[in-house]
Amino acid sequence: MAHDLGHLERLVQELAELAPEERARVVSEAAQRGRRQLRRAKFAVPILKGGTAWVGGELRREELYGDDGR
């Protein structure tokens, strides 16, 4: 993990200096590790709840844009 912008810049420079085959392997391995970390974290999409019925008015296209043909 990059600790600061300077460290991140150094990582980018090292990646740019690799041969295309090595660069592809490194990027592929990094993507795989990232997916593994997400699985371990058991990420759950937050579900928003609460509130009452919409009271802000109509949301039909005609009401939002009028008759200008959008």
PDB file of N, CA and C in Angstrom:
ATOM      1  N   MET A   1       0.840  -1.179   0.000  1.00  0.00           N
ATOM      2  CA  MET A   1       0.000   0.000   0.000  1.00  0.00           C
ATOM      3  C   MET A   1       0.882   1.239   0.000  1.00  0.00           C
ATOM      4  N   ALA A   2       0.493   2.201  -0.787  1.00  0.00           N
ATOM      5  CA  ALA A   2       1.250   3.441  -0.833  1.00  0.00           C
ATOM      6  C   ALA A   2       0.946   4.265   0.410  1.00  0.00           C
ATOM      7  N   HIS A   3       2.014   4.679   1.097  1.00  0.00           N
ATOM      8  CA  HIS A   3       1.844   5.420   2.343  1.00  0.00           C
ATOM      9  C   HIS A   3       1.650   6.913   2.112  1.00  0.00           C
ATOM     10  N   ASP A   4       2.167   7.397   0.999  1.00  0.00           N
ATOM     11  CA  ASP A   4       2.002   8.802   0.661  1.00  0.00           C
ATOM     12  C   ASP A   4       2.140   8.948  -0.853  1.00  0.00           C
ATOM     13  N   LEU A   5       1.971  10.144  -1.348  1.00  0.00           N
ATOM     14  CA  LEU A   5       2.035  10.372  -2.794  1.00  0.00           C
ATOM     15  C   LEU A   5       3.413  10.070  -3.367  1.00  0.00           C
ATOM     16  N   GLY A   6       4.466  10.337  -2.602  1.00  0.00           N
ATOM     17  CA  GLY A   6       5.813  10.047  -3.073  1.00  0.00           C
ATOM     18  C   GLY A   6       6.026   8.555  -3.260  1.00  0.00           C
ATOM     19  N   HIS A   7       5.531   7.780  -2.314  1.00  0.00           N
ATOM     20  CA  HIS A   7       5.638   6.321  -2.407  1.00  0.00           C
ATOM     21  C   HIS A   7       4.827   5.809  -3.590  1.00  0.00           C
ATOM     22  N   LEU A   8       3.648   6.341  -3.777  1.00  0.00           N
ATOM     23  CA  LEU A   8       2.814   5.943  -4.908  1.00  0.00           C
ATOM     24  C   LEU A   8       3.487   6.287  -6.228  1.00  0.00           C
ATOM     25  N   GLU A   9       4.093   7.456  -6.316  1.00  0.00           N
ATOM     26  CA  GLU A   9       4.804   7.851  -7.529  1.00  0.00           C
ATOM     27  C   GLU A   9       5.969   6.903  -7.816  1.00  0.00           C
ATOM     28  N   ARG A  10       6.675   6.487  -6.781  1.00  0.00           N
ATOM     29  CA  ARG A  10       7.787   5.554  -6.943  1.00  0.00           C
ATOM     30  C   ARG A  10       7.280   4.208  -7.457  1.00  0.00           C
ATOM     31  N   LEU A  11       6.132   3.734  -6.928  1.00  0.00           N
ATOM     32  CA  LEU A  11       5.546   2.480  -7.402  1.00  0.00           C
ATOM     33  C   LEU A  11       5.142   2.580  -8.873  1.00  0.00           C
ATOM     34  N   VAL A  12       4.555   3.708  -9.246  1.00  0.00           N
ATOM     35  CA  VAL A  12       4.149   3.917 -10.638  1.00  0.00           C
ATOM     36  C   VAL A  12       5.375   3.908 -11.543  1.00  0.00           C
ATOM     37  N   GLN A  13       6.443   4.561 -11.131  1.00  0.00           N
ATOM     38  CA  GLN A  13       7.668   4.606 -11.930  1.00  0.00           C
ATOM     39  C   GLN A  13       8.251   3.207 -12.102  1.00  0.00           C
ATOM     40  N   GLU A  14       8.282   2.423 -11.016  1.00  0.00           N
ATOM     41  CA  GLU A  14       8.812   1.058 -11.109  1.00  0.00           C
ATOM     42  C   GLU A  14       7.955   0.208 -12.038  1.00  0.00           C
ATOM     43  N   LEU A  15       6.659   0.364 -11.976  1.00  0.00           N
ATOM     44  CA  LEU A  15       5.762  -0.391 -12.855  1.00  0.00           C
ATOM     45  C   LEU A  15       5.989  -0.003 -14.312  1.00  0.00           C
ATOM     46  N   ALA A  16       6.198   1.279 -14.563  1.00  0.00           N
ATOM     47  CA  ALA A  16       6.417   1.751 -15.929  1.00  0.00           C
ATOM     48  C   ALA A  16       7.724   1.222 -16.501  1.00  0.00           C
ATOM     49  N   GLU A  17       8.698   0.958 -15.661  1.00  0.00           N
ATOM     50  CA  GLU A  17      10.000   0.481 -16.124  1.00  0.00           C
ATOM     51  C   GLU A  17      10.024  -1.013 -16.429  1.00  0.00           C
ATOM     52  N   LEU A  18       8.987  -1.747 -16.025  1.00  0.00           N
ATOM     53  CA  LEU A  18       8.938  -3.181 -16.279  1.00  0.00           C
ATOM     54  C   LEU A  18       8.675  -3.460 -17.753  1.00  0.00           C
ATOM     55  N   ALA A  19       9.111  -4.627 -18.186  1.00  0.00           N
ATOM     56  CA  ALA A  19       8.776  -5.081 -19.541  1.00  0.00           C
ATOM     57  C   ALA A  19       7.272  -5.324 -19.600  1.00  0.00           C
ATOM     58  N   PRO A  20       6.659  -5.208 -20.774  1.00  0.00           N
ATOM     59  CA  PRO A  20       5.203  -5.373 -20.879  1.00  0.00           C
ATOM     60  C   PRO A  20       4.682  -6.690 -20.272  1.00  0.00           C
ATOM     61  N   GLU A  21       5.421  -7.792 -20.463  1.00  0.00           N
ATOM     62  CA  GLU A  21       4.969  -9.075 -19.914  1.00  0.00           C
ATOM     63  C   GLU A  21       5.008  -9.064 -18.391  1.00  0.00           C
ATOM     64  N   GLU A  22       6.075  -8.499 -17.828  1.00  0.00           N
ATOM     65  CA  GLU A  22       6.190  -8.415 -16.371  1.00  0.00           C
ATOM     66  C   GLU A  22       5.119  -7.487 -15.805  1.00  0.00           C
ATOM     67  N   ARG A  23       4.882  -6.365 -16.492  1.00  0.00           N
ATOM     68  CA  ARG A  23       3.865  -5.413 -16.044  1.00  0.00           C
ATOM     69  C   ARG A  23       2.492  -6.074 -16.011  1.00  0.00           C
ATOM     70  N   ALA A  24       2.159  -6.845 -17.040  1.00  0.00           N
ATOM     71  CA  ALA A  24       0.871  -7.532 -17.101  1.00  0.00           C
ATOM     72  C   ALA A  24       0.738  -8.529 -15.959  1.00  0.00           C
ATOM     73  N   ARG A  25       1.834  -9.251 -15.664  1.00  0.00           N
ATOM     74  CA  ARG A  25       1.799 -10.226 -14.573  1.00  0.00           C
ATOM     75  C   ARG A  25       1.581  -9.523 -13.235  1.00  0.00           C
ATOM     76  N   VAL A  26       2.281  -8.415 -13.001  1.00  0.00           N
ATOM     77  CA  VAL A  26       2.159  -7.684 -11.739  1.00  0.00           C
ATOM     78  C   VAL A  26       0.743  -7.125 -11.579  1.00  0.00           C
ATOM     79  N   VAL A  27       0.205  -6.541 -12.634  1.00  0.00           N
ATOM     80  CA  VAL A  27      -1.143  -5.967 -12.561  1.00  0.00           C
ATOM     81  C   VAL A  27      -2.173  -7.070 -12.326  1.00  0.00           C
ATOM     82  N   SER A  28      -1.998  -8.214 -12.986  1.00  0.00           N
ATOM     83  CA  SER A  28      -2.918  -9.336 -12.802  1.00  0.00           C
ATOM     84  C   SER A  28      -2.873  -9.850 -11.368  1.00  0.00           C
ATOM     85  N   GLU A  29      -1.670  -9.990 -10.830  1.00  0.00           N
ATOM     86  CA  GLU A  29      -1.533 -10.474  -9.453  1.00  0.00           C
ATOM     87  C   GLU A  29      -2.125  -9.481  -8.456  1.00  0.00           C
ATOM     88  N   ALA A  30      -1.926  -8.199  -8.701  1.00  0.00           N
ATOM     89  CA  ALA A  30      -2.495  -7.177  -7.815  1.00  0.00           C
ATOM     90  C   ALA A  30      -4.020  -7.234  -7.841  1.00  0.00           C
ATOM     91  N   ALA A  31      -4.597  -7.434  -9.027  1.00  0.00           N
ATOM     92  CA  ALA A  31      -6.056  -7.530  -9.138  1.00  0.00           C
ATOM     93  C   ALA A  31      -6.571  -8.755  -8.386  1.00  0.00           C
ATOM     94  N   GLN A  32      -5.866  -9.878  -8.499  1.00  0.00           N
ATOM     95  CA  GLN A  32      -6.284 -11.087  -7.789  1.00  0.00           C
ATOM     96  C   GLN A  32      -6.226 -10.882  -6.285  1.00  0.00           C
ATOM     97  N   ARG A  33      -5.167 -10.259  -5.807  1.00  0.00           N
ATOM     98  CA  ARG A  33      -5.056 -10.005  -4.364  1.00  0.00           C
ATOM     99  C   ARG A  33      -6.165  -9.071  -3.888  1.00  0.00           C
ATOM    100  N   GLY A  34      -6.500  -8.084  -4.698  1.00  0.00           N
ATOM    101  CA  GLY A  34      -7.577  -7.166  -4.340  1.00  0.00           C
ATOM    102  C   GLY A  34      -8.905  -7.886  -4.222  1.00  0.00           C
ATOM    103  N   ARG A  35      -9.182  -8.820  -5.151  1.00  0.00           N
ATOM    104  CA  ARG A  35     -10.425  -9.592  -5.078  1.00  0.00           C
ATOM    105  C   ARG A  35     -10.451 -10.473  -3.836  1.00  0.00           C
ATOM    106  N   ARG A  36      -9.298 -11.067  -3.490  1.00  0.00           N
ATOM    107  CA  ARG A  36      -9.240 -11.903  -2.290  1.00  0.00           C
ATOM    108  C   ARG A  36      -9.541 -11.082  -1.047  1.00  0.00           C
ATOM    109  N   GLN A  37      -9.011  -9.866  -0.979  1.00  0.00           N
ATOM    110  CA  GLN A  37      -9.251  -9.022   0.181  1.00  0.00           C
ATOM    111  C   GLN A  37     -10.723  -8.651   0.292  1.00  0.00           C
ATOM    112  N   LEU A  38     -11.383  -8.404  -0.848  1.00  0.00           N
ATOM    113  CA  LEU A  38     -12.813  -8.097  -0.809  1.00  0.00           C
ATOM    114  C   LEU A  38     -13.614  -9.287  -0.303  1.00  0.00           C
ATOM    115  N   ARG A  39     -13.246 -10.486  -0.741  1.00  0.00           N
ATOM    116  CA  ARG A  39     -13.963 -11.675  -0.273  1.00  0.00           C
ATOM    117  C   ARG A  39     -13.776 -11.850   1.226  1.00  0.00           C
ATOM    118  N   ARG A  40     -12.560 -11.611   1.718  1.00  0.00           N
ATOM    119  CA  ARG A  40     -12.311 -11.747   3.145  1.00  0.00           C
ATOM    120  C   ARG A  40     -13.102 -10.721   3.949  1.00  0.00           C
ATOM    121  N   ALA A  41     -13.264  -9.530   3.398  1.00  0.00           N
ATOM    122  CA  ALA A  41     -13.969  -8.470   4.113  1.00  0.00           C
ATOM    123  C   ALA A  41     -15.473  -8.707   4.143  1.00  0.00           C
ATOM    124  N   LYS A  42     -15.980  -9.617   3.295  1.00  0.00           N
ATOM    125  CA  LYS A  42     -17.418  -9.889   3.200  1.00  0.00           C
ATOM    126  C   LYS A  42     -18.193  -8.588   3.041  1.00  0.00           C
ATOM    127  N   PHE A  43     -17.830  -7.880   2.003  1.00  0.00           N
ATOM    128  CA  PHE A  43     -18.433  -6.582   1.718  1.00  0.00           C
ATOM    129  C   PHE A  43     -19.936  -6.728   1.503  1.00  0.00           C
ATOM    130  N   ALA A  44     -20.699  -5.871   2.124  1.00  0.00           N
ATOM    131  CA  ALA A  44     -22.145  -5.839   1.939  1.00  0.00           C
ATOM    132  C   ALA A  44     -22.547  -4.432   1.500  1.00  0.00           C
ATOM    133  N   VAL A  45     -23.328  -4.364   0.451  1.00  0.00           N
ATOM    134  CA  VAL A  45     -23.802  -3.076  -0.035  1.00  0.00           C
ATOM    135  C   VAL A  45     -24.779  -2.502   0.979  1.00  0.00           C
ATOM    136  N   PRO A  46     -24.564  -1.270   1.429  1.00  0.00           N
ATOM    137  CA  PRO A  46     -25.488  -0.680   2.403  1.00  0.00           C
ATOM    138  C   PRO A  46     -26.859  -0.421   1.779  1.00  0.00           C
ATOM    139  N   ILE A  47     -27.879  -0.643   2.557  1.00  0.00           N
ATOM    140  CA  ILE A  47     -29.247  -0.408   2.120  1.00  0.00           C
ATOM    141  C   ILE A  47     -29.779   0.796   2.886  1.00  0.00           C
ATOM    142  N   LEU A  48     -30.187   1.798   2.152  1.00  0.00           N
ATOM    143  CA  LEU A  48     -30.707   3.007   2.786  1.00  0.00           C
ATOM    144  C   LEU A  48     -32.153   2.796   3.194  1.00  0.00           C
ATOM    145  N   LYS A  49     -32.482   3.222   4.391  1.00  0.00           N
ATOM    146  CA  LYS A  49     -33.838   3.073   4.905  1.00  0.00           C
ATOM    147  C   LYS A  49     -34.281   4.390   5.516  1.00  0.00           C
ATOM    148  N   GLY A  50     -35.565   4.440   5.811  1.00  0.00           N
ATOM    149  CA  GLY A  50     -36.072   5.567   6.567  1.00  0.00           C
ATOM    150  C   GLY A  50     -36.786   6.586   5.719  1.00  0.00           C
ATOM    151  N   GLY A  51     -37.218   7.596   6.372  1.00  0.00           N
ATOM    152  CA  GLY A  51     -37.911   8.665   5.683  1.00  0.00           C
ATOM    153  C   GLY A  51     -39.386   8.370   5.489  1.00  0.00           C
ATOM    154  N   THR A  52     -40.044   9.288   4.855  1.00  0.00           N
ATOM    155  CA  THR A  52     -41.466   9.146   4.574  1.00  0.00           C
ATOM    156  C   THR A  52     -41.668   9.234   3.074  1.00  0.00           C
ATOM    157  N   ALA A  53     -42.896   9.308   2.668  1.00  0.00           N
ATOM    158  CA  ALA A  53     -43.216   9.401   1.240  1.00  0.00           C
ATOM    159  C   ALA A  53     -42.662  10.698   0.657  1.00  0.00           C
ATOM    160  N   TRP A  54     -42.374  10.691  -0.650  1.00  0.00           N
ATOM    161  CA  TRP A  54     -41.869  11.859  -1.348  1.00  0.00           C
ATOM    162  C   TRP A  54     -42.913  12.965  -1.332  1.00  0.00           C
ATOM    163  N   VAL A  55     -42.506  14.162  -0.932  1.00  0.00           N
ATOM    164  CA  VAL A  55     -43.429  15.294  -0.882  1.00  0.00           C
ATOM    165  C   VAL A  55     -42.925  16.459  -1.731  1.00  0.00           C
ATOM    166  N   GLY A  56     -41.936  16.195  -2.582  1.00  0.00           N
ATOM    167  CA  GLY A  56     -41.320  17.263  -3.353  1.00  0.00           C
ATOM    168  C   GLY A  56     -41.997  17.593  -4.656  1.00  0.00           C
ATOM    169  N   GLY A  57     -43.097  16.945  -4.991  1.00  0.00           N
ATOM    170  CA  GLY A  57     -43.780  17.254  -6.235  1.00  0.00           C
ATOM    171  C   GLY A  57     -43.657  16.117  -7.235  1.00  0.00           C
ATOM    172  N   GLU A  58     -44.135  16.373  -8.442  1.00  0.00           N
ATOM    173  CA  GLU A  58     -44.138  15.367  -9.502  1.00  0.00           C
ATOM    174  C   GLU A  58     -42.731  15.115 -10.021  1.00  0.00           C
ATOM    175  N   LEU A  59     -42.462  13.881 -10.408  1.00  0.00           N
ATOM    176  CA  LEU A  59     -41.168  13.539 -10.982  1.00  0.00           C
ATOM    177  C   LEU A  59     -41.303  13.040 -12.416  1.00  0.00           C
ATOM    178  N   ARG A  60     -42.438  13.312 -13.035  1.00  0.00           N
ATOM    179  CA  ARG A  60     -42.600  12.902 -14.430  1.00  0.00           C
ATOM    180  C   ARG A  60     -41.719  13.771 -15.323  1.00  0.00           C
ATOM    181  N   ARG A  61     -41.335  13.211 -16.474  1.00  0.00           N
ATOM    182  CA  ARG A  61     -40.464  13.932 -17.403  1.00  0.00           C
ATOM    183  C   ARG A  61     -41.072  15.267 -17.805  1.00  0.00           C
ATOM    184  N   GLU A  62     -42.351  15.267 -18.075  1.00  0.00           N
ATOM    185  CA  GLU A  62     -43.007  16.492 -18.501  1.00  0.00           C
ATOM    186  C   GLU A  62     -42.932  17.575 -17.427  1.00  0.00           C
ATOM    187  N   GLU A  63     -43.030  17.166 -16.173  1.00  0.00           N
ATOM    188  CA  GLU A  63     -42.970  18.123 -15.085  1.00  0.00           C
ATOM    189  C   GLU A  63     -41.529  18.662 -14.883  1.00  0.00           C
ATOM    190  N   LEU A  64     -40.549  17.795 -15.100  1.00  0.00           N
ATOM    191  CA  LEU A  64     -39.163  18.203 -14.883  1.00  0.00           C
ATOM    192  C   LEU A  64     -38.645  19.085 -16.008  1.00  0.00           C
ATOM    193  N   TYR A  65     -38.993  18.762 -17.277  1.00  0.00           N
ATOM    194  CA  TYR A  65     -38.391  19.454 -18.413  1.00  0.00           C
ATOM    195  C   TYR A  65     -39.365  20.357 -19.185  1.00  0.00           C
ATOM    196  N   GLY A  66     -40.636  20.223 -18.957  1.00  0.00           N
ATOM    197  CA  GLY A  66     -41.585  21.040 -19.674  1.00  0.00           C
ATOM    198  C   GLY A  66     -41.795  20.523 -21.109  1.00  0.00           C
ATOM    199  N   ASP A  67     -42.140  21.408 -22.014  1.00  0.00           N
ATOM    200  CA  ASP A  67     -42.467  21.005 -23.391  1.00  0.00           C
ATOM    201  C   ASP A  67     -41.339  21.294 -24.373  1.00  0.00           C
ATOM    202  N   ASP A  68     -40.107  21.363 -23.921  1.00  0.00           N
ATOM    203  CA  ASP A  68     -39.040  21.703 -24.859  1.00  0.00           C
ATOM    204  C   ASP A  68     -38.450  20.470 -25.563  1.00  0.00           C
ATOM    205  N   GLY A  69     -39.067  19.315 -25.440  1.00  0.00           N
ATOM    206  CA  GLY A  69     -38.700  18.144 -26.220  1.00  0.00           C
ATOM    207  C   GLY A  69     -37.502  17.380 -25.743  1.00  0.00           C
ATOM    208  N   ARG A  70     -37.052  17.574 -24.537  1.00  0.00           N
ATOM    209  CA  ARG A  70     -35.905  16.809 -24.049  1.00  0.00           C
ATOM    210  C   ARG A  70     -36.284  15.394 -23.735  1.00  0.00           C
TER     211      ARG A  70
END
